[in-house]
PDB file of N, CA and C in Angstrom:
ATOM      1  N   MET A   1       0.844  -1.177   0.000  1.00  0.00           N
ATOM      2  CA  MET A   1       0.000   0.000   0.000  1.00  0.00           C
ATOM      3  C   MET A   1       0.892   1.244   0.000  1.00  0.00           C
ATOM      4  N   LYS A   2       0.536   2.195  -0.801  1.00  0.00           N
ATOM      5  CA  LYS A   2       1.364   3.395  -0.872  1.00  0.00           C
ATOM      6  C   LYS A   2       0.950   4.416   0.181  1.00  0.00           C
ATOM      7  N   LYS A   3       1.967   5.101   0.693  1.00  0.00           N
ATOM      8  CA  LYS A   3       1.765   6.154   1.676  1.00  0.00           C
ATOM      9  C   LYS A   3       2.279   7.451   1.071  1.00  0.00           C
ATOM     10  N   ILE A   4       1.455   8.467   1.093  1.00  0.00           N
ATOM     11  CA  ILE A   4       1.829   9.772   0.555  1.00  0.00           C
ATOM     12  C   ILE A   4       2.647  10.524   1.594  1.00  0.00           C
ATOM     13  N   ILE A   5       3.772  11.078   1.163  1.00  0.00           N
ATOM     14  CA  ILE A   5       4.658  11.848   2.039  1.00  0.00           C
ATOM     15  C   ILE A   5       4.585  13.311   1.625  1.00  0.00           C
ATOM     16  N   ASN A   6       4.220  14.156   2.558  1.00  0.00           N
ATOM     17  CA  ASN A   6       4.210  15.600   2.346  1.00  0.00           C
ATOM     18  C   ASN A   6       4.714  16.275   3.602  1.00  0.00           C
ATOM     19  N   THR A   7       5.458  17.343   3.438  1.00  0.00           N
ATOM     20  CA  THR A   7       5.964  18.111   4.574  1.00  0.00           C
ATOM     21  C   THR A   7       5.901  19.598   4.262  1.00  0.00           C
ATOM     22  N   PRO A   8       5.574  20.418   5.244  1.00  0.00           N
ATOM     23  CA  PRO A   8       5.614  21.867   5.028  1.00  0.00           C
ATOM     24  C   PRO A   8       7.045  22.400   4.941  1.00  0.00           C
ATOM     25  N   ASN A   9       8.037  21.548   5.218  1.00  0.00           N
ATOM     26  CA  ASN A   9       9.442  21.964   5.174  1.00  0.00           C
ATOM     27  C   ASN A   9      10.053  21.883   3.782  1.00  0.00           C
ATOM     28  N   ALA A  10       9.250  21.491   2.817  1.00  0.00           N
ATOM     29  CA  ALA A  10       9.638  21.488   1.397  1.00  0.00           C
ATOM     30  C   ALA A  10       8.499  22.169   0.639  1.00  0.00           C
ATOM     31  N   PRO A  11       8.778  22.649  -0.567  1.00  0.00           N
ATOM     32  CA  PRO A  11       7.733  23.349  -1.318  1.00  0.00           C
ATOM     33  C   PRO A  11       6.497  22.471  -1.549  1.00  0.00           C
ATOM     34  N   ALA A  12       5.342  23.083  -1.389  1.00  0.00           N
ATOM     35  CA  ALA A  12       4.088  22.383  -1.652  1.00  0.00           C
ATOM     36  C   ALA A  12       3.991  22.079  -3.142  1.00  0.00           C
ATOM     37  N   PRO A  13       3.423  20.935  -3.494  1.00  0.00           N
ATOM     38  CA  PRO A  13       3.249  20.612  -4.910  1.00  0.00           C
ATOM     39  C   PRO A  13       2.430  21.694  -5.625  1.00  0.00           C
ATOM     40  N   ILE A  14       2.782  21.950  -6.866  1.00  0.00           N
ATOM     41  CA  ILE A  14       2.070  22.967  -7.652  1.00  0.00           C
ATOM     42  C   ILE A  14       1.302  22.316  -8.798  1.00  0.00           C
ATOM     43  N   GLY A  15       0.915  21.074  -8.594  1.00  0.00           N
ATOM     44  CA  GLY A  15       0.165  20.326  -9.596  1.00  0.00           C
ATOM     45  C   GLY A  15      -0.352  19.041  -8.983  1.00  0.00           C
ATOM     46  N   PRO A  16      -0.862  18.147  -9.810  1.00  0.00           N
ATOM     47  CA  PRO A  16      -1.444  16.892  -9.319  1.00  0.00           C
ATOM     48  C   PRO A  16      -0.379  15.829  -9.012  1.00  0.00           C
ATOM     49  N   TYR A  17       0.435  16.098  -8.003  1.00  0.00           N
ATOM     50  CA  TYR A  17       1.458  15.147  -7.564  1.00  0.00           C
ATOM     51  C   TYR A  17       1.746  15.405  -6.091  1.00  0.00           C
ATOM     52  N   ASN A  18       2.495  14.511  -5.479  1.00  0.00           N
ATOM     53  CA  ASN A  18       2.905  14.662  -4.079  1.00  0.00           C
ATOM     54  C   ASN A  18       4.414  14.773  -4.017  1.00  0.00           C
ATOM     55  N   GLN A  19       4.922  15.223  -2.873  1.00  0.00           N
ATOM     56  CA  GLN A  19       6.365  15.360  -2.710  1.00  0.00           C
ATOM     57  C   GLN A  19       7.063  14.011  -2.811  1.00  0.00           C
ATOM     58  N   ALA A  20       6.408  12.973  -2.290  1.00  0.00           N
ATOM     59  CA  ALA A  20       6.996  11.635  -2.356  1.00  0.00           C
ATOM     60  C   ALA A  20       5.919  10.589  -2.088  1.00  0.00           C
ATOM     61  N   VAL A  21       6.237   9.364  -2.513  1.00  0.00           N
ATOM     62  CA  VAL A  21       5.364   8.222  -2.267  1.00  0.00           C
ATOM     63  C   VAL A  21       6.233   7.108  -1.687  1.00  0.00           C
ATOM     64  N   LEU A  22       5.776   6.562  -0.561  1.00  0.00           N
ATOM     65  CA  LEU A  22       6.465   5.462   0.091  1.00  0.00           C
ATOM     66  C   LEU A  22       5.697   4.180  -0.173  1.00  0.00           C
ATOM     67  N   ILE A  23       6.388   3.197  -0.736  1.00  0.00           N
ATOM     68  CA  ILE A  23       5.788   1.881  -0.970  1.00  0.00           C
ATOM     69  C   ILE A  23       6.702   0.876  -0.290  1.00  0.00           C
ATOM     70  N   GLY A  24       6.190   0.240   0.763  1.00  0.00           N
ATOM     71  CA  GLY A  24       7.029  -0.660   1.537  1.00  0.00           C
ATOM     72  C   GLY A  24       8.163   0.134   2.156  1.00  0.00           C
ATOM     73  N   ASN A  25       9.391  -0.243   1.858  1.00  0.00           N
ATOM     74  CA  ASN A  25      10.566   0.459   2.371  1.00  0.00           C
ATOM     75  C   ASN A  25      11.191   1.400   1.349  1.00  0.00           C
ATOM     76  N   THR A  26      10.525   1.575   0.202  1.00  0.00           N
ATOM     77  CA  THR A  26      11.096   2.369  -0.889  1.00  0.00           C
ATOM     78  C   THR A  26      10.355   3.689  -1.050  1.00  0.00           C
ATOM     79  N   LEU A  27      11.129   4.774  -1.077  1.00  0.00           N
ATOM     80  CA  LEU A  27      10.588   6.112  -1.241  1.00  0.00           C
ATOM     81  C   LEU A  27      10.927   6.630  -2.632  1.00  0.00           C
ATOM     82  N   TYR A  28       9.926   7.096  -3.328  1.00  0.00           N
ATOM     83  CA  TYR A  28      10.094   7.716  -4.646  1.00  0.00           C
ATOM     84  C   TYR A  28       9.747   9.193  -4.490  1.00  0.00           C
ATOM     85  N   THR A  29      10.713  10.064  -4.728  1.00  0.00           N
ATOM     86  CA  THR A  29      10.445  11.493  -4.578  1.00  0.00           C
ATOM     87  C   THR A  29      10.110  12.123  -5.921  1.00  0.00           C
ATOM     88  N   SER A  30       9.331  13.167  -5.854  1.00  0.00           N
ATOM     89  CA  SER A  30       9.136  14.010  -7.022  1.00  0.00           C
ATOM     90  C   SER A  30      10.376  14.875  -7.162  1.00  0.00           C
ATOM     91  N   GLY A  31      10.570  15.429  -8.336  1.00  0.00           N
ATOM     92  CA  GLY A  31      11.695  16.329  -8.533  1.00  0.00           C
ATOM     93  C   GLY A  31      11.529  17.579  -7.694  1.00  0.00           C
ATOM     94  N   GLN A  32      12.622  18.033  -7.130  1.00  0.00           N
ATOM     95  CA  GLN A  32      12.621  19.279  -6.360  1.00  0.00           C
ATOM     96  C   GLN A  32      13.377  20.343  -7.143  1.00  0.00           C
ATOM     97  N   ILE A  33      12.822  21.544  -7.115  1.00  0.00           N
ATOM     98  CA  ILE A  33      13.498  22.697  -7.684  1.00  0.00           C
ATOM     99  C   ILE A  33      13.788  23.662  -6.531  1.00  0.00           C
ATOM    100  N   ALA A  34      14.416  24.766  -6.815  1.00  0.00           N
ATOM    101  CA  ALA A  34      14.895  25.673  -5.769  1.00  0.00           C
ATOM    102  C   ALA A  34      13.838  26.658  -5.289  1.00  0.00           C
ATOM    103  N   LEU A  35      12.698  26.138  -4.893  1.00  0.00           N
ATOM    104  CA  LEU A  35      11.678  26.979  -4.269  1.00  0.00           C
ATOM    105  C   LEU A  35      11.911  26.996  -2.771  1.00  0.00           C
ATOM    106  N   ASN A  36      11.950  28.177  -2.193  1.00  0.00           N
ATOM    107  CA  ASN A  36      12.038  28.296  -0.746  1.00  0.00           C
ATOM    108  C   ASN A  36      10.665  27.904  -0.192  1.00  0.00           C
ATOM    109  N   PRO A  37      10.578  26.889   0.681  1.00  0.00           N
ATOM    110  CA  PRO A  37       9.273  26.425   1.143  1.00  0.00           C
ATOM    111  C   PRO A  37       8.514  27.439   1.989  1.00  0.00           C
ATOM    112  N   GLU A  38       9.214  28.374   2.599  1.00  0.00           N
ATOM    113  CA  GLU A  38       8.547  29.383   3.426  1.00  0.00           C
ATOM    114  C   GLU A  38       7.916  30.487   2.589  1.00  0.00           C
ATOM    115  N   THR A  39       8.599  30.892   1.533  1.00  0.00           N
ATOM    116  CA  THR A  39       8.117  32.012   0.717  1.00  0.00           C
ATOM    117  C   THR A  39       7.581  31.582  -0.638  1.00  0.00           C
ATOM    118  N   MET A  40       7.919  30.347  -1.046  1.00  0.00           N
ATOM    119  CA  MET A  40       7.597  29.822  -2.378  1.00  0.00           C
ATOM    120  C   MET A  40       8.203  30.690  -3.487  1.00  0.00           C
ATOM    121  N   GLU A  41       9.297  31.376  -3.144  1.00  0.00           N
ATOM    122  CA  GLU A  41      10.052  32.144  -4.135  1.00  0.00           C
ATOM    123  C   GLU A  41      11.262  31.324  -4.564  1.00  0.00           C
ATOM    124  N   LEU A  42      11.669  31.493  -5.811  1.00  0.00           N
ATOM    125  CA  LEU A  42      12.819  30.777  -6.328  1.00  0.00           C
ATOM    126  C   LEU A  42      14.131  31.342  -5.799  1.00  0.00           C
ATOM    127  N   VAL A  43      15.066  30.447  -5.533  1.00  0.00           N
ATOM    128  CA  VAL A  43      16.423  30.822  -5.147  1.00  0.00           C
ATOM    129  C   VAL A  43      17.284  30.571  -6.379  1.00  0.00           C
ATOM    130  N   THR A  44      17.614  31.625  -7.112  1.00  0.00           N
ATOM    131  CA  THR A  44      18.337  31.446  -8.375  1.00  0.00           C
ATOM    132  C   THR A  44      19.459  32.460  -8.570  1.00  0.00           C
ATOM    133  N   GLU A  45      19.942  33.089  -7.476  1.00  0.00           N
ATOM    134  CA  GLU A  45      20.970  34.103  -7.677  1.00  0.00           C
ATOM    135  C   GLU A  45      22.234  33.541  -8.288  1.00  0.00           C
ATOM    136  N   PHE A  46      22.604  32.308  -7.915  1.00  0.00           N
ATOM    137  CA  PHE A  46      23.718  31.622  -8.575  1.00  0.00           C
ATOM    138  C   PHE A  46      23.493  30.128  -8.418  1.00  0.00           C
ATOM    139  N   ILE A  47      24.121  29.338  -9.268  1.00  0.00           N
ATOM    140  CA  ILE A  47      23.813  27.908  -9.372  1.00  0.00           C
ATOM    141  C   ILE A  47      24.100  27.149  -8.080  1.00  0.00           C
ATOM    142  N   GLU A  48      25.104  27.556  -7.317  1.00  0.00           N
ATOM    143  CA  GLU A  48      25.398  26.876  -6.057  1.00  0.00           C
ATOM    144  C   GLU A  48      24.264  27.058  -5.057  1.00  0.00           C
ATOM    145  N   ALA A  49      23.740  28.269  -4.930  1.00  0.00           N
ATOM    146  CA  ALA A  49      22.623  28.531  -4.006  1.00  0.00           C
ATOM    147  C   ALA A  49      21.368  27.797  -4.469  1.00  0.00           C
ATOM    148  N   GLU A  50      21.170  27.766  -5.766  1.00  0.00           N
ATOM    149  CA  GLU A  50      20.014  27.059  -6.321  1.00  0.00           C
ATOM    150  C   GLU A  50      20.102  25.569  -6.003  1.00  0.00           C
ATOM    151  N   THR A  51      21.272  24.989  -6.217  1.00  0.00           N
ATOM    152  CA  THR A  51      21.461  23.558  -5.942  1.00  0.00           C
ATOM    153  C   THR A  51      21.320  23.264  -4.454  1.00  0.00           C
ATOM    154  N   GLU A  52      21.851  24.133  -3.618  1.00  0.00           N
ATOM    155  CA  GLU A  52      21.726  23.930  -2.168  1.00  0.00           C
ATOM    156  C   GLU A  52      20.264  23.944  -1.736  1.00  0.00           C
ATOM    157  N   GLN A  53      19.455  24.850  -2.288  1.00  0.00           N
ATOM    158  CA  GLN A  53      18.031  24.894  -1.942  1.00  0.00           C
ATOM    159  C   GLN A  53      17.340  23.606  -2.381  1.00  0.00           C
ATOM    160  N   VAL A  54      17.679  23.112  -3.561  1.00  0.00           N
ATOM    161  CA  VAL A  54      17.118  21.849  -4.039  1.00  0.00           C
ATOM    162  C   VAL A  54      17.460  20.726  -3.057  1.00  0.00           C
ATOM    163  N   MET A  55      18.717  20.650  -2.654  1.00  0.00           N
ATOM    164  CA  MET A  55      19.148  19.580  -1.750  1.00  0.00           C
ATOM    165  C   MET A  55      18.515  19.726  -0.363  1.00  0.00           C
ATOM    166  N   GLU A  56      18.343  20.936   0.116  1.00  0.00           N
ATOM    167  CA  GLU A  56      17.683  21.144   1.406  1.00  0.00           C
ATOM    168  C   GLU A  56      16.205  20.751   1.322  1.00  0.00           C
ATOM    169  N   ASN A  57      15.573  21.040   0.193  1.00  0.00           N
ATOM    170  CA  ASN A  57      14.188  20.607  -0.006  1.00  0.00           C
ATOM    171  C   ASN A  57      14.115  19.083   0.014  1.00  0.00           C
ATOM    172  N   MET A  58      15.062  18.454  -0.670  1.00  0.00           N
ATOM    173  CA  MET A  58      15.083  16.995  -0.705  1.00  0.00           C
ATOM    174  C   MET A  58      15.344  16.426   0.683  1.00  0.00           C
ATOM    175  N   LYS A  59      16.232  17.061   1.425  1.00  0.00           N
ATOM    176  CA  LYS A  59      16.522  16.634   2.802  1.00  0.00           C
ATOM    177  C   LYS A  59      15.239  16.636   3.639  1.00  0.00           C
ATOM    178  N   ALA A  60      14.410  17.656   3.472  1.00  0.00           N
ATOM    179  CA  ALA A  60      13.154  17.760   4.217  1.00  0.00           C
ATOM    180  C   ALA A  60      12.173  16.656   3.821  1.00  0.00           C
ATOM    181  N   VAL A  61      12.108  16.346   2.541  1.00  0.00           N
ATOM    182  CA  VAL A  61      11.222  15.272   2.078  1.00  0.00           C
ATOM    183  C   VAL A  61      11.696  13.929   2.630  1.00  0.00           C
ATOM    184  N   LEU A  62      12.996  13.677   2.576  1.00  0.00           N
ATOM    185  CA  LEU A  62      13.542  12.442   3.133  1.00  0.00           C
ATOM    186  C   LEU A  62      13.235  12.352   4.630  1.00  0.00           C
ATOM    187  N   ALA A  63      13.423  13.443   5.351  1.00  0.00           N
ATOM    188  CA  ALA A  63      13.165  13.451   6.800  1.00  0.00           C
ATOM    189  C   ALA A  63      11.704  13.154   7.107  1.00  0.00           C
ATOM    190  N   ALA A  64      10.801  13.643   6.258  1.00  0.00           N
ATOM    191  CA  ALA A  64       9.372  13.390   6.465  1.00  0.00           C
ATOM    192  C   ALA A  64       9.047  11.902   6.354  1.00  0.00           C
ATOM    193  N   ALA A  65       9.915  11.158   5.680  1.00  0.00           N
ATOM    194  CA  ALA A  65       9.754   9.703   5.557  1.00  0.00           C
ATOM    195  C   ALA A  65      10.704   8.969   6.505  1.00  0.00           C
ATOM    196  N   ASP A  66      11.252   9.694   7.483  1.00  0.00           N
ATOM    197  CA  ASP A  66      12.220   9.133   8.441  1.00  0.00           C
ATOM    198  C   ASP A  66      13.432   8.530   7.752  1.00  0.00           C
ATOM    199  N   MET A  67      13.935   9.249   6.754  1.00  0.00           N
ATOM    200  CA  MET A  67      15.129   8.833   6.022  1.00  0.00           C
ATOM    201  C   MET A  67      16.117   9.986   5.942  1.00  0.00           C
ATOM    202  N   THR A  68      17.327   9.657   5.489  1.00  0.00           N
ATOM    203  CA  THR A  68      18.378  10.648   5.273  1.00  0.00           C
ATOM    204  C   THR A  68      19.005  10.370   3.907  1.00  0.00           C
ATOM    205  N   PHE A  69      20.005  11.154   3.550  1.00  0.00           N
ATOM    206  CA  PHE A  69      20.712  10.929   2.298  1.00  0.00           C
ATOM    207  C   PHE A  69      21.410   9.566   2.285  1.00  0.00           C
ATOM    208  N   GLU A  70      21.686   8.994   3.450  1.00  0.00           N
ATOM    209  CA  GLU A  70      22.287   7.662   3.505  1.00  0.00           C
ATOM    210  C   GLU A  70      21.351   6.583   2.962  1.00  0.00           C
ATOM    211  N   ASN A  71      20.045   6.856   2.944  1.00  0.00           N
ATOM    212  CA  ASN A  71      19.065   5.904   2.425  1.00  0.00           C
ATOM    213  C   ASN A  71      18.903   5.993   0.910  1.00  0.00           C
ATOM    214  N   VAL A  72      19.445   7.036   0.300  1.00  0.00           N
ATOM    215  CA  VAL A  72      19.254   7.264  -1.136  1.00  0.00           C
ATOM    216  C   VAL A  72      20.076   6.261  -1.941  1.00  0.00           C
ATOM    217  N   VAL A  73      19.403   5.578  -2.883  1.00  0.00           N
ATOM    218  CA  VAL A  73      20.083   4.594  -3.733  1.00  0.00           C
ATOM    219  C   VAL A  73      20.208   5.061  -5.179  1.00  0.00           C
ATOM    220  N   LYS A  74      19.422   6.092  -5.568  1.00  0.00           N
ATOM    221  CA  LYS A  74      19.435   6.551  -6.963  1.00  0.00           C
ATOM    222  C   LYS A  74      19.002   8.001  -7.011  1.00  0.00           C
ATOM    223  N   THR A  75      19.722   8.813  -7.762  1.00  0.00           N
ATOM    224  CA  THR A  75      19.298  10.189  -8.010  1.00  0.00           C
ATOM    225  C   THR A  75      19.261  10.452  -9.503  1.00  0.00           C
ATOM    226  N   SER A  76      18.400  11.363  -9.861  1.00  0.00           N
ATOM    227  CA  SER A  76      18.329  11.859 -11.239  1.00  0.00           C
ATOM    228  C   SER A  76      18.474  13.374 -11.168  1.00  0.00           C
ATOM    229  N   ILE A  77      19.444  13.883 -11.902  1.00  0.00           N
ATOM    230  CA  ILE A  77      19.686  15.323 -11.929  1.00  0.00           C
ATOM    231  C   ILE A  77      19.419  15.822 -13.343  1.00  0.00           C
ATOM    232  N   PHE A  78      18.575  16.814 -13.422  1.00  0.00           N
ATOM    233  CA  PHE A  78      18.249  17.435 -14.705  1.00  0.00           C
ATOM    234  C   PHE A  78      18.773  18.865 -14.650  1.00  0.00           C
ATOM    235  N   ILE A  79      19.624  19.209 -15.604  1.00  0.00           N
ATOM    236  CA  ILE A  79      20.202  20.549 -15.605  1.00  0.00           C
ATOM    237  C   ILE A  79      19.993  21.214 -16.967  1.00  0.00           C
ATOM    238  N   LYS A  80      19.840  22.509 -16.898  1.00  0.00           N
ATOM    239  CA  LYS A  80      19.581  23.303 -18.107  1.00  0.00           C
ATOM    240  C   LYS A  80      20.844  23.522 -18.929  1.00  0.00           C
ATOM    241  N   ASN A  81      22.011  23.541 -18.249  1.00  0.00           N
ATOM    242  CA  ASN A  81      23.257  23.835 -18.947  1.00  0.00           C
ATOM    243  C   ASN A  81      24.359  22.939 -18.384  1.00  0.00           C
ATOM    244  N   MET A  82      24.859  22.024 -19.188  1.00  0.00           N
ATOM    245  CA  MET A  82      25.884  21.087 -18.731  1.00  0.00           C
ATOM    246  C   MET A  82      27.165  21.802 -18.280  1.00  0.00           C
ATOM    247  N   LYS A  83      27.355  23.036 -18.688  1.00  0.00           N
ATOM    248  CA  LYS A  83      28.512  23.804 -18.226  1.00  0.00           C
ATOM    249  C   LYS A  83      28.456  24.056 -16.716  1.00  0.00           C
ATOM    250  N   HIS A  84      27.264  23.927 -16.117  1.00  0.00           N
ATOM    251  CA  HIS A  84      27.106  24.106 -14.674  1.00  0.00           C
ATOM    252  C   HIS A  84      27.364  22.820 -13.903  1.00  0.00           C
ATOM    253  N   PHE A  85      27.625  21.710 -14.593  1.00  0.00           N
ATOM    254  CA  PHE A  85      27.732  20.409 -13.939  1.00  0.00           C
ATOM    255  C   PHE A  85      28.711  20.405 -12.761  1.00  0.00           C
ATOM    256  N   SER A  86      29.917  20.903 -12.938  1.00  0.00           N
ATOM    257  CA  SER A  86      30.910  20.828 -11.863  1.00  0.00           C
ATOM    258  C   SER A  86      30.486  21.658 -10.654  1.00  0.00           C
ATOM    259  N   ARG A  87      29.831  22.769 -10.874  1.00  0.00           N
ATOM    260  CA  ARG A  87      29.373  23.616  -9.768  1.00  0.00           C
ATOM    261  C   ARG A  87      28.211  22.965  -9.027  1.00  0.00           C
ATOM    262  N   ILE A  88      27.311  22.360  -9.770  1.00  0.00           N
ATOM    263  CA  ILE A  88      26.201  21.615  -9.160  1.00  0.00           C
ATOM    264  C   ILE A  88      26.756  20.428  -8.381  1.00  0.00           C
ATOM    265  N   ASN A  89      27.684  19.712  -8.996  1.00  0.00           N
ATOM    266  CA  ASN A  89      28.264  18.525  -8.387  1.00  0.00           C
ATOM    267  C   ASN A  89      28.996  18.850  -7.085  1.00  0.00           C
ATOM    268  N   SER A  90      29.650  20.012  -7.013  1.00  0.00           N
ATOM    269  CA  SER A  90      30.378  20.368  -5.790  1.00  0.00           C
ATOM    270  C   SER A  90      29.421  20.568  -4.612  1.00  0.00           C
ATOM    271  N   VAL A  91      28.238  21.090  -4.861  1.00  0.00           N
ATOM    272  CA  VAL A  91      27.238  21.245  -3.800  1.00  0.00           C
ATOM    273  C   VAL A  91      26.615  19.890  -3.479  1.00  0.00           C
ATOM    274  N   TYR A  92      26.217  19.165  -4.498  1.00  0.00           N
ATOM    275  CA  TYR A  92      25.609  17.836  -4.341  1.00  0.00           C
ATOM    276  C   TYR A  92      26.509  16.934  -3.501  1.00  0.00           C
ATOM    277  N   ALA A  93      27.808  16.971  -3.740  1.00  0.00           N
ATOM    278  CA  ALA A  93      28.772  16.096  -3.059  1.00  0.00           C
ATOM    279  C   ALA A  93      28.800  16.324  -1.552  1.00  0.00           C
ATOM    280  N   LYS A  94      28.451  17.503  -1.092  1.00  0.00           N
ATOM    281  CA  LYS A  94      28.450  17.801   0.337  1.00  0.00           C
ATOM    282  C   LYS A  94      27.387  17.004   1.099  1.00  0.00           C
ATOM    283  N   TYR A  95      26.402  16.482   0.386  1.00  0.00           N
ATOM    284  CA  TYR A  95      25.284  15.785   1.021  1.00  0.00           C
ATOM    285  C   TYR A  95      25.454  14.266   1.066  1.00  0.00           C
ATOM    286  N   PHE A  96      26.498  13.755   0.425  1.00  0.00           N
ATOM    287  CA  PHE A  96      26.697  12.308   0.363  1.00  0.00           C
ATOM    288  C   PHE A  96      28.110  11.929   0.774  1.00  0.00           C
ATOM    289  N   ASN A  97      28.222  10.760   1.380  1.00  0.00           N
ATOM    290  CA  ASN A  97      29.513  10.141   1.644  1.00  0.00           C
ATOM    291  C   ASN A  97      29.940   9.495   0.329  1.00  0.00           C
ATOM    292  N   GLU A  98      31.071   9.880  -0.200  1.00  0.00           N
ATOM    293  CA  GLU A  98      31.496   9.392  -1.511  1.00  0.00           C
ATOM    294  C   GLU A  98      31.550   7.862  -1.579  1.00  0.00           C
ATOM    295  N   ALA A  99      31.939   7.216  -0.494  1.00  0.00           N
ATOM    296  CA  ALA A  99      32.062   5.755  -0.484  1.00  0.00           C
ATOM    297  C   ALA A  99      30.715   5.054  -0.597  1.00  0.00           C
ATOM    298  N   THR A 100      29.639   5.714  -0.151  1.00  0.00           N
ATOM    299  CA  THR A 100      28.310   5.086  -0.184  1.00  0.00           C
ATOM    300  C   THR A 100      27.311   5.902  -1.012  1.00  0.00           C
ATOM    301  N   ALA A 101      27.817   6.780  -1.856  1.00  0.00           N
ATOM    302  CA  ALA A 101      26.949   7.636  -2.676  1.00  0.00           C
ATOM    303  C   ALA A 101      26.046   6.791  -3.570  1.00  0.00           C
ATOM    304  N   PRO A 102      24.881   7.312  -3.906  1.00  0.00           N
ATOM    305  CA  PRO A 102      23.939   6.557  -4.734  1.00  0.00           C
ATOM    306  C   PRO A 102      24.354   6.506  -6.210  1.00  0.00           C
ATOM    307  N   ALA A 103      23.694   5.630  -6.940  1.00  0.00           N
ATOM    308  CA  ALA A 103      23.798   5.649  -8.397  1.00  0.00           C
ATOM    309  C   ALA A 103      23.162   6.961  -8.871  1.00  0.00           C
ATOM    310  N   ARG A 104      23.557   7.423 -10.062  1.00  0.00           N
ATOM    311  CA  ARG A 104      23.058   8.732 -10.503  1.00  0.00           C
ATOM    312  C   ARG A 104      23.152   8.859 -12.005  1.00  0.00           C
ATOM    313  N   GLU A 105      22.229   9.632 -12.553  1.00  0.00           N
ATOM    314  CA  GLU A 105      22.387  10.111 -13.918  1.00  0.00           C
ATOM    315  C   GLU A 105      22.191  11.610 -13.901  1.00  0.00           C
ATOM    316  N   THR A 106      22.879  12.271 -14.799  1.00  0.00           N
ATOM    317  CA  THR A 106      22.749  13.710 -14.967  1.00  0.00           C
ATOM    318  C   THR A 106      22.452  13.968 -16.432  1.00  0.00           C
ATOM    319  N   VAL A 107      21.361  14.683 -16.675  1.00  0.00           N
ATOM    320  CA  VAL A 107      20.887  14.885 -18.037  1.00  0.00           C
ATOM    321  C   VAL A 107      20.673  16.373 -18.283  1.00  0.00           C
ATOM    322  N   GLU A 108      21.200  16.857 -19.395  1.00  0.00           N
ATOM    323  CA  GLU A 108      20.924  18.234 -19.802  1.00  0.00           C
ATOM    324  C   GLU A 108      19.585  18.241 -20.534  1.00  0.00           C
ATOM    325  N   VAL A 109      18.736  19.200 -20.162  1.00  0.00           N
ATOM    326  CA  VAL A 109      17.403  19.300 -20.757  1.00  0.00           C
ATOM    327  C   VAL A 109      17.194  20.698 -21.329  1.00  0.00           C
ATOM    328  N   ALA A 110      16.224  20.821 -22.226  1.00  0.00           N
ATOM    329  CA  ALA A 110      15.963  22.109 -22.866  1.00  0.00           C
ATOM    330  C   ALA A 110      15.337  23.109 -21.902  1.00  0.00           C
ATOM    331  N   ASN A 111      14.498  22.603 -20.982  1.00  0.00           N
ATOM    332  CA  ASN A 111      13.833  23.493 -20.045  1.00  0.00           C
ATOM    333  C   ASN A 111      13.363  22.711 -18.839  1.00  0.00           C
ATOM    334  N   LEU A 112      13.123  23.425 -17.748  1.00  0.00           N
ATOM    335  CA  LEU A 112      12.639  22.841 -16.504  1.00  0.00           C
ATOM    336  C   LEU A 112      11.500  23.695 -15.968  1.00  0.00           C
ATOM    337  N   PRO A 113      10.706  23.162 -15.019  1.00  0.00           N
ATOM    338  CA  PRO A 113       9.610  23.954 -14.454  1.00  0.00           C
ATOM    339  C   PRO A 113      10.095  25.304 -13.927  1.00  0.00           C
ATOM    340  N   LYS A 114       9.313  26.323 -14.184  1.00  0.00           N
ATOM    341  CA  LYS A 114       9.607  27.693 -13.754  1.00  0.00           C
ATOM    342  C   LYS A 114      10.957  28.193 -14.290  1.00  0.00           C
ATOM    343  N   TYR A 115      11.455  27.527 -15.328  1.00  0.00           N
ATOM    344  CA  TYR A 115      12.692  27.924 -16.004  1.00  0.00           C
ATOM    345  C   TYR A 115      13.909  27.912 -15.074  1.00  0.00           C
ATOM    346  N   VAL A 116      13.901  26.989 -14.101  1.00  0.00           N
ATOM    347  CA  VAL A 116      15.045  26.858 -13.193  1.00  0.00           C
ATOM    348  C   VAL A 116      16.209  26.201 -13.911  1.00  0.00           C
ATOM    349  N   ASN A 117      17.347  26.138 -13.232  1.00  0.00           N
ATOM    350  CA  ASN A 117      18.558  25.569 -13.825  1.00  0.00           C
ATOM    351  C   ASN A 117      18.830  24.129 -13.427  1.00  0.00           C
ATOM    352  N   VAL A 118      18.204  23.670 -12.331  1.00  0.00           N
ATOM    353  CA  VAL A 118      18.459  22.313 -11.848  1.00  0.00           C
ATOM    354  C   VAL A 118      17.222  21.754 -11.147  1.00  0.00           C
ATOM    355  N   GLU A 119      16.982  20.466 -11.362  1.00  0.00           N
ATOM    356  CA  GLU A 119      15.926  19.719 -10.675  1.00  0.00           C
ATOM    357  C   GLU A 119      16.504  18.353 -10.329  1.00  0.00           C
ATOM    358  N   ILE A 120      16.202  17.872  -9.113  1.00  0.00           N
ATOM    359  CA  ILE A 120      16.731  16.595  -8.665  1.00  0.00           C
ATOM    360  C   ILE A 120      15.606  15.754  -8.067  1.00  0.00           C
ATOM    361  N   SER A 121      15.576  14.473  -8.422  1.00  0.00           N
ATOM    362  CA  SER A 121      14.668  13.519  -7.791  1.00  0.00           C
ATOM    363  C   SER A 121      15.497  12.362  -7.258  1.00  0.00           C
ATOM    364  N   MET A 122      14.903  11.596  -6.335  1.00  0.00           N
ATOM    365  CA  MET A 122      15.641  10.518  -5.679  1.00  0.00           C
ATOM    366  C   MET A 122      14.748   9.307  -5.414  1.00  0.00           C
ATOM    367  N   ILE A 123      15.414   8.179  -5.261  1.00  0.00           N
ATOM    368  CA  ILE A 123      14.789   6.961  -4.766  1.00  0.00           C
ATOM    369  C   ILE A 123      15.600   6.563  -3.537  1.00  0.00           C
ATOM    370  N   ALA A 124      14.902   6.297  -2.438  1.00  0.00           N
ATOM    371  CA  ALA A 124      15.573   5.925  -1.187  1.00  0.00           C
ATOM    372  C   ALA A 124      14.943   4.667  -0.636  1.00  0.00           C
ATOM    373  N   VAL A 125      15.753   3.891   0.067  1.00  0.00           N
ATOM    374  CA  VAL A 125      15.279   2.627   0.639  1.00  0.00           C
ATOM    375  C   VAL A 125      15.662   2.577   2.107  1.00  0.00           C
ATOM    376  N   LYS A 126      14.664   2.271   2.935  1.00  0.00           N
ATOM    377  CA  LYS A 126      14.911   2.113   4.374  1.00  0.00           C
ATOM    378  C   LYS A 126      15.179   0.640   4.632  1.00  0.00           C
ATOM    379  N   SER A 127      16.372   0.331   5.187  1.00  0.00           N
ATOM    380  CA  SER A 127      16.684  -1.083   5.420  1.00  0.00           C
ATOM    381  C   SER A 127      16.282  -1.518   6.806  1.00  0.00           C
TER     382      SER A 127
END
């Protein structure tokens, strides 16, 4: 049976979806963009701040399911400009232990919701 995960500590969904769905021990998150959950304003002054807001939003969603980044087994990163990859990666790396980091793909896309520069989704498993 699926359990819907929502938290006020991450941006509220702006469409017909939830922040995450828990099925058994597996959590599937929706993509997070750099919306500040308190103001619902975008954090886009520079790519590092944008990526940090995305990761903090994801941290809140994971916490709402009683998980942490250590539970993450797969991430998907969608970026508007592959030239930003190293800057995004430097922020992303702060949230994971390199030895136990999840599998990942990074894909450059033509556009993202609200014309942001980065969106990240995750799959996490509670053991």
